[in-house]
PDB file of N, CA and C in Angstrom:
ATOM      1  N   MET A   1      -6.319   1.048   0.360  1.00  0.00           N
ATOM      2  CA  MET A   1      -5.583   1.724   0.749  1.00  0.00           C
ATOM      3  C   MET A   1      -6.117   2.259   1.924  1.00  0.00           C
ATOM      4  N   THR A   2      -5.484   2.689   2.831  1.00  0.00           N
ATOM      5  CA  THR A   2      -5.453   3.099   4.217  1.00  0.00           C
ATOM      6  C   THR A   2      -4.516   4.020   4.679  1.00  0.00           C
ATOM      7  N   CYS A   3      -4.649   5.403   4.752  1.00  0.00           N
ATOM      8  CA  CYS A   3      -3.458   6.284   5.412  1.00  0.00           C
ATOM      9  C   CYS A   3      -4.082   6.523   6.906  1.00  0.00           C
ATOM     10  N   SER A   4      -2.881   6.536   7.914  1.00  0.00           N
ATOM     11  CA  SER A   4      -3.484   7.353   9.244  1.00  0.00           C
ATOM     12  C   SER A   4      -2.624   7.272   9.877  1.00  0.00           C
ATOM     13  N   ARG A   5      -2.850   8.319  11.043  1.00  0.00           N
ATOM     14  CA  ARG A   5      -1.468   9.234  11.559  1.00  0.00           C
ATOM     15  C   ARG A   5      -1.382   8.764  13.345  1.00  0.00           C
ATOM     16  N   SER A   6      -0.677   7.966  13.843  1.00  0.00           N
ATOM     17  CA  SER A   6      -0.362   7.534  14.745  1.00  0.00           C
ATOM     18  C   SER A   6       0.662   8.419  15.565  1.00  0.00           C
ATOM     19  N   GLY A   7       0.356   9.423  16.715  1.00  0.00           N
ATOM     20  CA  GLY A   7       1.258  10.427  17.241  1.00  0.00           C
ATOM     21  C   GLY A   7       2.335  10.787  16.247  1.00  0.00           C
ATOM     22  N   ASN A   8       3.496  11.203  15.477  1.00  0.00           N
ATOM     23  CA  ASN A   8       4.335  11.694  14.484  1.00  0.00           C
ATOM     24  C   ASN A   8       4.485  10.839  13.480  1.00  0.00           C
ATOM     25  N   LEU A   9       3.586  10.026  13.481  1.00  0.00           N
ATOM     26  CA  LEU A   9       4.046   9.043  12.200  1.00  0.00           C
ATOM     27  C   LEU A   9       2.984   8.786  11.266  1.00  0.00           C
ATOM     28  N   TRP A  10       2.659   9.004  10.084  1.00  0.00           N
ATOM     29  CA  TRP A  10       2.393   8.641   9.085  1.00  0.00           C
ATOM     30  C   TRP A  10       2.298   7.502   8.419  1.00  0.00           C
ATOM     31  N   THR A  11       1.264   6.364   8.279  1.00  0.00           N
ATOM     32  CA  THR A  11       1.459   5.439   7.717  1.00  0.00           C
ATOM     33  C   THR A  11       0.208   5.129   6.996  1.00  0.00           C
ATOM     34  N   ALA A  12       0.652   4.441   5.633  1.00  0.00           N
ATOM     35  CA  ALA A  12       0.057   4.014   4.662  1.00  0.00           C
ATOM     36  C   ALA A  12       0.127   2.492   4.367  1.00  0.00           C
ATOM     37  N   ASP A  13      -1.134   2.163   4.185  1.00  0.00           N
ATOM     38  CA  ASP A  13      -0.901   0.187   3.674  1.00  0.00           C
ATOM     39  C   ASP A  13      -1.382   0.591   2.176  1.00  0.00           C
ATOM     40  N   VAL A  14      -1.218  -0.389   1.407  1.00  0.00           N
ATOM     41  CA  VAL A  14      -1.992  -0.616   0.119  1.00  0.00           C
ATOM     42  C   VAL A  14      -2.298  -2.049  -0.075  1.00  0.00           C
ATOM     43  N   ASP A  15      -2.986  -2.252  -0.884  1.00  0.00           N
ATOM     44  CA  ASP A  15      -3.593  -4.165  -1.365  1.00  0.00           C
ATOM     45  C   ASP A  15      -3.426  -3.639  -2.836  1.00  0.00           C
ATOM     46  N   LEU A  16      -2.431  -4.430  -3.793  1.00  0.00           N
ATOM     47  CA  LEU A  16      -2.928  -4.458  -5.257  1.00  0.00           C
ATOM     48  C   LEU A  16      -3.237  -5.764  -6.236  1.00  0.00           C
ATOM     49  N   PRO A  17      -3.953  -6.287  -6.648  1.00  0.00           N
ATOM     50  CA  PRO A  17      -3.813  -7.430  -7.224  1.00  0.00           C
ATOM     51  C   PRO A  17      -3.294  -7.349  -8.443  1.00  0.00           C
ATOM     52  N   THR A  18      -3.145  -8.509  -8.661  1.00  0.00           N
ATOM     53  CA  THR A  18      -1.767  -8.964  -9.474  1.00  0.00           C
ATOM     54  C   THR A  18      -2.429  -8.583 -10.667  1.00  0.00           C
ATOM     55  N   PRO A  19      -3.252  -8.667 -11.619  1.00  0.00           N
ATOM     56  CA  PRO A  19      -3.845  -8.476 -12.898  1.00  0.00           C
ATOM     57  C   PRO A  19      -3.037  -6.752 -13.352  1.00  0.00           C
ATOM     58  N   VAL A  20      -3.358  -6.032 -12.037  1.00  0.00           N
ATOM     59  CA  VAL A  20      -3.027  -4.531 -12.546  1.00  0.00           C
ATOM     60  C   VAL A  20      -1.138  -4.300 -12.532  1.00  0.00           C
ATOM     61  N   LEU A  21      -0.598  -5.349 -11.944  1.00  0.00           N
ATOM     62  CA  LEU A  21       1.020  -5.266 -12.340  1.00  0.00           C
ATOM     63  C   LEU A  21       0.776  -5.517 -13.492  1.00  0.00           C
ATOM     64  N   PHE A  22       0.514  -7.157 -13.811  1.00  0.00           N
ATOM     65  CA  PHE A  22       0.957  -7.824 -15.066  1.00  0.00           C
ATOM     66  C   PHE A  22      -0.123  -8.086 -15.772  1.00  0.00           C
ATOM     67  N   PRO A  23      -0.602  -7.363 -16.847  1.00  0.00           N
ATOM     68  CA  PRO A  23      -1.706  -7.445 -17.442  1.00  0.00           C
ATOM     69  C   PRO A  23      -1.814  -8.717 -18.469  1.00  0.00           C
ATOM     70  N   GLY A  24      -2.681  -9.387 -18.622  1.00  0.00           N
ATOM     71  CA  GLY A  24      -2.525 -10.675 -19.345  1.00  0.00           C
ATOM     72  C   GLY A  24      -1.445 -11.910 -18.829  1.00  0.00           C
ATOM     73  N   ALA A  25      -1.304 -11.905 -18.141  1.00  0.00           N
ATOM     74  CA  ALA A  25      -0.874 -12.350 -17.142  1.00  0.00           C
ATOM     75  C   ALA A  25      -1.687 -13.880 -16.580  1.00  0.00           C
ATOM     76  N   ALA A  26      -1.439 -15.433 -17.091  1.00  0.00           N
ATOM     77  CA  ALA A  26      -2.243 -16.297 -16.723  1.00  0.00           C
ATOM     78  C   ALA A  26      -2.126 -16.833 -15.406  1.00  0.00           C
ATOM     79  N   HIS A  27      -3.763 -16.023 -14.915  1.00  0.00           N
ATOM     80  CA  HIS A  27      -4.092 -16.627 -13.646  1.00  0.00           C
ATOM     81  C   HIS A  27      -3.316 -16.558 -12.475  1.00  0.00           C
ATOM     82  N   LEU A  28      -2.847 -15.523 -11.954  1.00  0.00           N
ATOM     83  CA  LEU A  28      -2.044 -14.914 -10.874  1.00  0.00           C
ATOM     84  C   LEU A  28      -2.971 -14.272  -9.790  1.00  0.00           C
ATOM     85  N   PRO A  29      -3.599 -15.516  -9.057  1.00  0.00           N
ATOM     86  CA  PRO A  29      -4.081 -15.364  -7.992  1.00  0.00           C
ATOM     87  C   PRO A  29      -4.135 -14.804  -6.557  1.00  0.00           C
ATOM     88  N   PHE A  30      -3.174 -13.531  -6.616  1.00  0.00           N
ATOM     89  CA  PHE A  30      -2.269 -13.037  -5.233  1.00  0.00           C
ATOM     90  C   PHE A  30      -2.458 -11.976  -5.486  1.00  0.00           C
ATOM     91  N   THR A  31      -2.551 -11.323  -4.603  1.00  0.00           N
ATOM     92  CA  THR A  31      -2.553  -9.584  -4.350  1.00  0.00           C
ATOM     93  C   THR A  31      -1.084  -9.031  -3.638  1.00  0.00           C
ATOM     94  N   VAL A  32      -0.685  -8.335  -3.598  1.00  0.00           N
ATOM     95  CA  VAL A  32       0.641  -7.617  -3.710  1.00  0.00           C
ATOM     96  C   VAL A  32       0.301  -6.577  -2.442  1.00  0.00           C
ATOM     97  N   THR A  33       0.557  -6.274  -1.449  1.00  0.00           N
ATOM     98  CA  THR A  33       0.801  -6.101   0.143  1.00  0.00           C
ATOM     99  C   THR A  33       1.684  -4.897   0.097  1.00  0.00           C
ATOM    100  N   GLY A  34       1.570  -3.478   0.484  1.00  0.00           N
ATOM    101  CA  GLY A  34       3.037  -2.913   0.883  1.00  0.00           C
ATOM    102  C   GLY A  34       2.424  -2.126   1.792  1.00  0.00           C
ATOM    103  N   SER A  35       3.670  -1.312   2.783  1.00  0.00           N
ATOM    104  CA  SER A  35       3.071  -0.455   3.755  1.00  0.00           C
ATOM    105  C   SER A  35       4.479   0.852   3.912  1.00  0.00           C
ATOM    106  N   ALA A  36       3.901   1.829   4.083  1.00  0.00           N
ATOM    107  CA  ALA A  36       4.850   2.248   4.532  1.00  0.00           C
ATOM    108  C   ALA A  36       4.997   3.849   5.481  1.00  0.00           C
ATOM    109  N   GLY A  37       5.640   4.420   6.032  1.00  0.00           N
ATOM    110  CA  GLY A  37       5.144   5.247   7.233  1.00  0.00           C
ATOM    111  C   GLY A  37       6.423   6.267   6.310  1.00  0.00           C
ATOM    112  N   ALA A  38       6.010   7.310   7.210  1.00  0.00           N
ATOM    113  CA  ALA A  38       6.514   8.643   7.279  1.00  0.00           C
ATOM    114  C   ALA A  38       6.687   9.725   8.239  1.00  0.00           C
ATOM    115  N   ALA A  39       7.564  10.864   8.975  1.00  0.00           N
ATOM    116  CA  ALA A  39       7.351  11.251  10.022  1.00  0.00           C
ATOM    117  C   ALA A  39       6.692  12.339   9.280  1.00  0.00           C
ATOM    118  N   ALA A  40       5.403  12.561  10.190  1.00  0.00           N
ATOM    119  CA  ALA A  40       4.798  13.733  10.382  1.00  0.00           C
ATOM    120  C   ALA A  40       5.496  15.062  10.543  1.00  0.00           C
ATOM    121  N   GLU A  41       5.349  15.844   9.438  1.00  0.00           N
ATOM    122  CA  GLU A  41       6.177  17.363   9.727  1.00  0.00           C
ATOM    123  C   GLU A  41       5.240  18.510  10.782  1.00  0.00           C
ATOM    124  N   ALA A  42       5.697  19.259  10.856  1.00  0.00           N
ATOM    125  CA  ALA A  42       5.057  20.356  11.845  1.00  0.00           C
ATOM    126  C   ALA A  42       3.604  20.889  11.077  1.00  0.00           C
ATOM    127  N   ASP A  43       2.442  21.020  12.332  1.00  0.00           N
ATOM    128  CA  ASP A  43       1.092  21.592  11.717  1.00  0.00           C
ATOM    129  C   ASP A  43       1.333  23.012  11.387  1.00  0.00           C
TER     130      ASP A  43
END
């Protein structure tokens, strides 16, 4: 997971292996990737 600020926007990127999402599933060799952003509030 990474979080960073670019100007007035915070962003987060996450990679999650499929066994975490589907325990016991038969050989799911892929990673679920997600990203999100939110406006930075006043400091």
